[in-house]
């Protein structure tokens, strides 16, 4: 390799390192700013209306801001269930809504209607399973979502009526206000006992949950 080529390769390597460390520094600043905001706004993490999976008095709380049309939310859902099974009564999951995609607000209301019928989890899982068929971000096929919910045992006529209740819009707006205050800009966003992930990923989530569970054993 010529001296000129070696110089170019070396320069590219240096630029790549500068970019990498610059991105790491930026991510650290963003996380730090969000952690400060979350600490100041702790009451916004969990609301009385929030769906809860697991024991109400579990010492470790995973708060997930999710969008039912989010592909990553769908992909990571089995991992979250696995973590809860692994840690038993030590962990609970609290779901918050972040309806960033078109049509997601209606699916959120559908989920809340399912909660009033005692069918929240089966409808949630049916909607996630059918997500590729209905969650087109430009033109969602909401009737397909409704059909999936009905197949999971939802009384669709009753659900459509419940979705017209202004209280559901108020509930949804509360979640939107909270995610804005907590600087949540993407889904899924997780907080574990009020702590954000150092970076997004299933391993990072599992490690943070394990760390918080370990604290309760001391």
C-alpha atoms as a PDB file:
ATOM      1  CA  UNK A   1       0.000   0.000   0.000  1.00  0.00           C
ATOM      2  CA  UNK A   2       1.357   3.424  -0.934  1.00  0.00           C
ATOM      3  CA  UNK A   3       2.101   6.132   1.616  1.00  0.00           C
ATOM      4  CA  UNK A   4      -0.774   8.206   0.205  1.00  0.00           C
ATOM      5  CA  UNK A   5      -3.249   5.369   0.672  1.00  0.00           C
ATOM      6  CA  UNK A   6      -1.998   4.715   4.196  1.00  0.00           C
ATOM      7  CA  UNK A   7      -2.479   8.392   5.021  1.00  0.00           C
ATOM      8  CA  UNK A   8      -6.047   8.370   3.636  1.00  0.00           C
ATOM      9  CA  UNK A   9      -6.926   5.188   5.537  1.00  0.00           C
ATOM     10  CA  UNK A  10      -5.464   6.641   8.717  1.00  0.00           C
ATOM     11  CA  UNK A  11      -7.410   9.863   8.281  1.00  0.00           C
ATOM     12  CA  UNK A  12     -10.653   7.966   7.712  1.00  0.00           C
ATOM     13  CA  UNK A  13      -9.994   5.912  10.832  1.00  0.00           C
ATOM     14  CA  UNK A  14      -9.426   9.058  12.875  1.00  0.00           C
ATOM     15  CA  UNK A  15     -12.614  10.633  11.518  1.00  0.00           C
ATOM     16  CA  UNK A  16     -14.556   7.464  12.336  1.00  0.00           C
ATOM     17  CA  UNK A  17     -13.265   7.539  15.918  1.00  0.00           C
ATOM     18  CA  UNK A  18     -14.104  11.221  16.281  1.00  0.00           C
ATOM     19  CA  UNK A  19     -17.629  10.555  14.989  1.00  0.00           C
ATOM     20  CA  UNK A  20     -18.076   7.554  17.320  1.00  0.00           C
ATOM     21  CA  UNK A  21     -16.952   9.378  20.438  1.00  0.00           C
ATOM     22  CA  UNK A  22     -18.924  12.451  19.420  1.00  0.00           C
ATOM     23  CA  UNK A  23     -22.078  10.371  19.128  1.00  0.00           C
ATOM     24  CA  UNK A  24     -21.396   8.704  22.482  1.00  0.00           C
ATOM     25  CA  UNK A  25     -20.937  12.098  24.113  1.00  0.00           C
ATOM     26  CA  UNK A  26     -24.158  13.365  22.537  1.00  0.00           C
ATOM     27  CA  UNK A  27     -26.121  10.293  23.679  1.00  0.00           C
ATOM     28  CA  UNK A  28     -24.746  10.716  27.191  1.00  0.00           C
ATOM     29  CA  UNK A  29     -25.818  14.370  27.275  1.00  0.00           C
ATOM     30  CA  UNK A  30     -29.307  13.488  26.030  1.00  0.00           C
ATOM     31  CA  UNK A  31     -29.688  10.685  28.587  1.00  0.00           C
ATOM     32  CA  UNK A  32     -28.427  12.879  31.418  1.00  0.00           C
ATOM     33  CA  UNK A  33     -30.860  15.644  30.498  1.00  0.00           C
ATOM     34  CA  UNK A  34     -33.735  13.174  30.353  1.00  0.00           C
ATOM     35  CA  UNK A  35     -32.778  11.575  33.686  1.00  0.00           C
ATOM     36  CA  UNK A  36     -32.772  14.996  35.334  1.00  0.00           C
ATOM     37  CA  UNK A  37     -36.193  15.728  33.851  1.00  0.00           C
ATOM     38  CA  UNK A  38     -37.600  12.347  34.923  1.00  0.00           C
ATOM     39  CA  UNK A  39     -36.329  12.845  38.469  1.00  0.00           C
ATOM     40  CA  UNK A  40     -38.100  16.201  38.591  1.00  0.00           C
ATOM     41  CA  UNK A  41     -41.301  14.725  37.111  1.00  0.00           C
ATOM     42  CA  UNK A  42     -41.538  11.349  38.897  1.00  0.00           C
ATOM     43  CA  UNK A  43     -45.314  11.604  39.261  1.00  0.00           C
ATOM     44  CA  UNK A  44     -45.661  11.531  35.475  1.00  0.00           C
ATOM     45  CA  UNK A  45     -44.242   8.021  35.122  1.00  0.00           C
ATOM     46  CA  UNK A  46     -47.279   6.110  36.392  1.00  0.00           C
ATOM     47  CA  UNK A  47     -50.910   7.200  36.374  1.00  0.00           C
ATOM     48  CA  UNK A  48     -53.926   5.610  38.022  1.00  0.00           C
ATOM     49  CA  UNK A  49     -55.348   4.683  34.606  1.00  0.00           C
ATOM     50  CA  UNK A  50     -52.151   3.008  33.367  1.00  0.00           C
ATOM     51  CA  UNK A  51     -52.461  -0.706  32.497  1.00  0.00           C
ATOM     52  CA  UNK A  52     -50.347  -2.810  34.868  1.00  0.00           C
ATOM     53  CA  UNK A  53     -49.048  -6.347  34.379  1.00  0.00           C
ATOM     54  CA  UNK A  54     -47.678  -8.148  37.421  1.00  0.00           C
ATOM     55  CA  UNK A  55     -48.078  -7.470  41.156  1.00  0.00           C
ATOM     56  CA  UNK A  56     -49.197  -3.944  42.028  1.00  0.00           C
ATOM     57  CA  UNK A  57     -46.700  -3.861  44.897  1.00  0.00           C
ATOM     58  CA  UNK A  58     -43.700  -5.213  42.966  1.00  0.00           C
ATOM     59  CA  UNK A  59     -40.495  -3.417  44.059  1.00  0.00           C
ATOM     60  CA  UNK A  60     -39.293  -2.983  40.469  1.00  0.00           C
ATOM     61  CA  UNK A  61     -41.409  -1.121  37.946  1.00  0.00           C
ATOM     62  CA  UNK A  62     -40.771  -1.148  34.221  1.00  0.00           C
ATOM     63  CA  UNK A  63     -42.537   1.770  32.576  1.00  0.00           C
ATOM     64  CA  UNK A  64     -42.834   1.406  28.822  1.00  0.00           C
ATOM     65  CA  UNK A  65     -44.045   4.191  26.552  1.00  0.00           C
ATOM     66  CA  UNK A  66     -45.296   2.309  23.524  1.00  0.00           C
ATOM     67  CA  UNK A  67     -47.184   2.752  20.284  1.00  0.00           C
ATOM     68  CA  UNK A  68     -49.332  -0.221  19.199  1.00  0.00           C
ATOM     69  CA  UNK A  69     -48.215   0.432  15.596  1.00  0.00           C
ATOM     70  CA  UNK A  70     -44.496   0.413  16.494  1.00  0.00           C
ATOM     71  CA  UNK A  71     -42.615  -2.555  15.014  1.00  0.00           C
ATOM     72  CA  UNK A  72     -39.932  -2.441  17.696  1.00  0.00           C
ATOM     73  CA  UNK A  73     -42.571  -2.461  20.439  1.00  0.00           C
ATOM     74  CA  UNK A  74     -43.971  -5.608  18.872  1.00  0.00           C
ATOM     75  CA  UNK A  75     -40.537  -7.217  18.606  1.00  0.00           C
ATOM     76  CA  UNK A  76     -39.515  -6.496  22.195  1.00  0.00           C
ATOM     77  CA  UNK A  77     -42.808  -7.484  23.822  1.00  0.00           C
ATOM     78  CA  UNK A  78     -41.817 -11.185  24.202  1.00  0.00           C
ATOM     79  CA  UNK A  79     -38.582 -10.120  25.924  1.00  0.00           C
ATOM     80  CA  UNK A  80     -40.493  -7.973  28.416  1.00  0.00           C
ATOM     81  CA  UNK A  81     -42.805 -10.904  29.179  1.00  0.00           C
ATOM     82  CA  UNK A  82     -39.766 -13.140  29.615  1.00  0.00           C
ATOM     83  CA  UNK A  83     -38.149 -10.697  32.058  1.00  0.00           C
ATOM     84  CA  UNK A  84     -41.315 -10.601  34.124  1.00  0.00           C
ATOM     85  CA  UNK A  85     -41.522 -14.394  34.199  1.00  0.00           C
ATOM     86  CA  UNK A  86     -37.838 -14.609  35.125  1.00  0.00           C
ATOM     87  CA  UNK A  87     -38.121 -12.224  38.067  1.00  0.00           C
ATOM     88  CA  UNK A  88     -41.561 -13.266  39.268  1.00  0.00           C
ATOM     89  CA  UNK A  89     -43.211 -11.066  41.876  1.00  0.00           C
ATOM     90  CA  UNK A  90     -40.283  -8.637  41.879  1.00  0.00           C
ATOM     91  CA  UNK A  91     -41.276  -6.905  38.643  1.00  0.00           C
ATOM     92  CA  UNK A  92     -44.343  -5.221  37.235  1.00  0.00           C
ATOM     93  CA  UNK A  93     -44.878  -3.591  33.840  1.00  0.00           C
ATOM     94  CA  UNK A  94     -46.735  -0.313  33.440  1.00  0.00           C
ATOM     95  CA  UNK A  95     -47.777   0.622  29.901  1.00  0.00           C
ATOM     96  CA  UNK A  96     -48.039   4.246  28.796  1.00  0.00           C
ATOM     97  CA  UNK A  97     -49.273   5.335  25.398  1.00  0.00           C
ATOM     98  CA  UNK A  98     -47.179   7.195  22.843  1.00  0.00           C
ATOM     99  CA  UNK A  99     -49.409   7.324  19.739  1.00  0.00           C
ATOM    100  CA  UNK A 100     -46.818   8.682  17.329  1.00  0.00           C
ATOM    101  CA  UNK A 101     -48.122   6.843  14.244  1.00  0.00           C
ATOM    102  CA  UNK A 102     -51.242   7.672  12.270  1.00  0.00           C
ATOM    103  CA  UNK A 103     -54.278   5.828  13.597  1.00  0.00           C
ATOM    104  CA  UNK A 104     -52.577   4.739  16.819  1.00  0.00           C
ATOM    105  CA  UNK A 105     -54.850   6.944  18.904  1.00  0.00           C
ATOM    106  CA  UNK A 106     -57.842   4.882  17.770  1.00  0.00           C
ATOM    107  CA  UNK A 107     -56.081   1.617  18.563  1.00  0.00           C
ATOM    108  CA  UNK A 108     -55.212   2.969  22.011  1.00  0.00           C
ATOM    109  CA  UNK A 109     -58.908   3.689  22.582  1.00  0.00           C
ATOM    110  CA  UNK A 110     -59.691   0.174  21.372  1.00  0.00           C
ATOM    111  CA  UNK A 111     -57.282  -1.197  23.966  1.00  0.00           C
ATOM    112  CA  UNK A 112     -58.885   0.868  26.691  1.00  0.00           C
ATOM    113  CA  UNK A 113     -62.296  -0.407  25.617  1.00  0.00           C
ATOM    114  CA  UNK A 114     -60.888  -3.925  25.896  1.00  0.00           C
ATOM    115  CA  UNK A 115     -59.698  -3.124  29.423  1.00  0.00           C
ATOM    116  CA  UNK A 116     -63.246  -2.223  30.418  1.00  0.00           C
ATOM    117  CA  UNK A 117     -64.297  -5.708  29.232  1.00  0.00           C
ATOM    118  CA  UNK A 118     -61.478  -7.427  31.133  1.00  0.00           C
ATOM    119  CA  UNK A 119     -59.748  -8.439  27.899  1.00  0.00           C
ATOM    120  CA  UNK A 120     -56.817  -6.054  27.749  1.00  0.00           C
ATOM    121  CA  UNK A 121     -53.933  -8.535  27.473  1.00  0.00           C
ATOM    122  CA  UNK A 122     -55.481 -10.919  24.901  1.00  0.00           C
ATOM    123  CA  UNK A 123     -56.514  -7.961  22.741  1.00  0.00           C
ATOM    124  CA  UNK A 124     -53.090  -6.321  23.085  1.00  0.00           C
ATOM    125  CA  UNK A 125     -51.364  -9.529  22.022  1.00  0.00           C
ATOM    126  CA  UNK A 126     -53.799 -10.065  19.143  1.00  0.00           C
ATOM    127  CA  UNK A 127     -53.176  -6.529  17.901  1.00  0.00           C
ATOM    128  CA  UNK A 128     -49.413  -6.989  18.101  1.00  0.00           C
ATOM    129  CA  UNK A 129     -49.620 -10.330  16.294  1.00  0.00           C
ATOM    130  CA  UNK A 130     -51.732  -8.757  13.517  1.00  0.00           C
ATOM    131  CA  UNK A 131     -49.703  -5.538  13.432  1.00  0.00           C
ATOM    132  CA  UNK A 132     -48.057  -6.197  10.021  1.00  0.00           C
ATOM    133  CA  UNK A 133     -51.530  -6.416   8.478  1.00  0.00           C
ATOM    134  CA  UNK A 134     -52.975  -3.193   9.888  1.00  0.00           C
ATOM    135  CA  UNK A 135     -50.174  -0.845  10.938  1.00  0.00           C
ATOM    136  CA  UNK A 136     -49.272   0.852   7.676  1.00  0.00           C
ATOM    137  CA  UNK A 137     -47.838   4.145   8.934  1.00  0.00           C
ATOM    138  CA  UNK A 138     -49.197   6.094   5.999  1.00  0.00           C
ATOM    139  CA  UNK A 139     -52.614   4.480   5.737  1.00  0.00           C
ATOM    140  CA  UNK A 140     -53.375   2.132   8.645  1.00  0.00           C
ATOM    141  CA  UNK A 141     -56.094  -0.462   8.118  1.00  0.00           C
ATOM    142  CA  UNK A 142     -57.988   0.041  11.352  1.00  0.00           C
ATOM    143  CA  UNK A 143     -60.787  -2.347  10.441  1.00  0.00           C
ATOM    144  CA  UNK A 144     -58.203  -5.129  10.355  1.00  0.00           C
ATOM    145  CA  UNK A 145     -57.113  -4.111  13.845  1.00  0.00           C
ATOM    146  CA  UNK A 146     -60.725  -4.158  15.024  1.00  0.00           C
ATOM    147  CA  UNK A 147     -61.193  -7.606  13.489  1.00  0.00           C
ATOM    148  CA  UNK A 148     -58.126  -8.936  15.313  1.00  0.00           C
ATOM    149  CA  UNK A 149     -59.493  -7.575  18.588  1.00  0.00           C
ATOM    150  CA  UNK A 150     -62.860  -9.200  17.947  1.00  0.00           C
ATOM    151  CA  UNK A 151     -61.202 -12.535  17.251  1.00  0.00           C
ATOM    152  CA  UNK A 152     -59.482 -12.216  20.636  1.00  0.00           C
ATOM    153  CA  UNK A 153     -62.897 -12.153  22.295  1.00  0.00           C
ATOM    154  CA  UNK A 154     -63.750  -8.445  22.326  1.00  0.00           C
ATOM    155  CA  UNK A 155     -67.399  -7.402  22.041  1.00  0.00           C
ATOM    156  CA  UNK A 156     -66.812  -5.008  19.159  1.00  0.00           C
ATOM    157  CA  UNK A 157     -70.200  -3.285  19.300  1.00  0.00           C
ATOM    158  CA  UNK A 158     -69.725  -2.495  22.968  1.00  0.00           C
ATOM    159  CA  UNK A 159     -66.109  -1.456  22.331  1.00  0.00           C
ATOM    160  CA  UNK A 160     -67.043   0.996  19.575  1.00  0.00           C
ATOM    161  CA  UNK A 161     -69.509   2.644  21.935  1.00  0.00           C
ATOM    162  CA  UNK A 162     -66.938   2.848  24.723  1.00  0.00           C
ATOM    163  CA  UNK A 163     -64.415   4.452  22.378  1.00  0.00           C
ATOM    164  CA  UNK A 164     -66.719   7.453  22.019  1.00  0.00           C
ATOM    165  CA  UNK A 165     -66.420   8.254  25.720  1.00  0.00           C
ATOM    166  CA  UNK A 166     -64.645  11.622  26.091  1.00  0.00           C
ATOM    167  CA  UNK A 167     -62.842  10.195  29.124  1.00  0.00           C
ATOM    168  CA  UNK A 168     -60.717   8.053  26.800  1.00  0.00           C
ATOM    169  CA  UNK A 169     -59.523  11.113  24.911  1.00  0.00           C
ATOM    170  CA  UNK A 170     -58.680  12.786  28.225  1.00  0.00           C
ATOM    171  CA  UNK A 171     -56.735   9.688  29.277  1.00  0.00           C
ATOM    172  CA  UNK A 172     -54.834   9.664  26.009  1.00  0.00           C
ATOM    173  CA  UNK A 173     -54.065  13.360  26.291  1.00  0.00           C
ATOM    174  CA  UNK A 174     -52.672  12.798  29.791  1.00  0.00           C
ATOM    175  CA  UNK A 175     -50.220  10.246  28.430  1.00  0.00           C
ATOM    176  CA  UNK A 176     -49.220  12.627  25.625  1.00  0.00           C
ATOM    177  CA  UNK A 177     -48.672  15.435  28.125  1.00  0.00           C
ATOM    178  CA  UNK A 178     -46.565  13.141  30.300  1.00  0.00           C
ATOM    179  CA  UNK A 179     -44.380  11.810  27.498  1.00  0.00           C
ATOM    180  CA  UNK A 180     -43.783  15.388  26.350  1.00  0.00           C
ATOM    181  CA  UNK A 181     -42.756  16.475  29.843  1.00  0.00           C
ATOM    182  CA  UNK A 182     -40.482  13.414  30.182  1.00  0.00           C
ATOM    183  CA  UNK A 183     -38.862  14.124  26.792  1.00  0.00           C
ATOM    184  CA  UNK A 184     -39.952  10.805  25.288  1.00  0.00           C
ATOM    185  CA  UNK A 185     -39.479  11.077  21.528  1.00  0.00           C
ATOM    186  CA  UNK A 186     -39.470   7.469  20.326  1.00  0.00           C
ATOM    187  CA  UNK A 187     -40.997   4.088  21.045  1.00  0.00           C
ATOM    188  CA  UNK A 188     -40.456   1.969  22.904  1.00  0.00           C
ATOM    189  CA  UNK A 189     -38.923   4.067  25.679  1.00  0.00           C
ATOM    190  CA  UNK A 190     -38.272   2.295  28.962  1.00  0.00           C
ATOM    191  CA  UNK A 191     -37.724   3.466  32.510  1.00  0.00           C
ATOM    192  CA  UNK A 192     -36.833   0.993  35.259  1.00  0.00           C
ATOM    193  CA  UNK A 193     -37.575   2.393  38.704  1.00  0.00           C
ATOM    194  CA  UNK A 194     -37.270   5.810  37.116  1.00  0.00           C
ATOM    195  CA  UNK A 195     -33.951   5.080  35.394  1.00  0.00           C
ATOM    196  CA  UNK A 196     -33.595   5.273  31.623  1.00  0.00           C
ATOM    197  CA  UNK A 197     -31.569   2.768  29.613  1.00  0.00           C
ATOM    198  CA  UNK A 198     -27.915   3.758  28.987  1.00  0.00           C
ATOM    199  CA  UNK A 199     -28.666   2.939  25.334  1.00  0.00           C
ATOM    200  CA  UNK A 200     -31.579   1.167  23.719  1.00  0.00           C
ATOM    201  CA  UNK A 201     -31.475  -2.606  23.386  1.00  0.00           C
ATOM    202  CA  UNK A 202     -32.854  -5.824  24.894  1.00  0.00           C
ATOM    203  CA  UNK A 203     -29.597  -6.605  26.696  1.00  0.00           C
ATOM    204  CA  UNK A 204     -29.505  -3.147  28.242  1.00  0.00           C
ATOM    205  CA  UNK A 205     -33.103  -3.514  29.435  1.00  0.00           C
ATOM    206  CA  UNK A 206     -32.458  -6.957  30.906  1.00  0.00           C
ATOM    207  CA  UNK A 207     -29.312  -5.726  32.672  1.00  0.00           C
ATOM    208  CA  UNK A 208     -31.039  -2.696  34.194  1.00  0.00           C
ATOM    209  CA  UNK A 209     -33.966  -4.798  35.424  1.00  0.00           C
ATOM    210  CA  UNK A 210     -31.566  -7.355  36.943  1.00  0.00           C
ATOM    211  CA  UNK A 211     -29.643  -4.552  38.658  1.00  0.00           C
ATOM    212  CA  UNK A 212     -32.787  -3.092  40.203  1.00  0.00           C
ATOM    213  CA  UNK A 213     -34.046  -6.519  41.281  1.00  0.00           C
ATOM    214  CA  UNK A 214     -30.675  -7.248  42.917  1.00  0.00           C
ATOM    215  CA  UNK A 215     -31.027  -4.086  45.010  1.00  0.00           C
ATOM    216  CA  UNK A 216     -34.256  -5.446  46.498  1.00  0.00           C
ATOM    217  CA  UNK A 217     -32.500  -8.641  47.639  1.00  0.00           C
ATOM    218  CA  UNK A 218     -29.925  -6.876  49.805  1.00  0.00           C
END
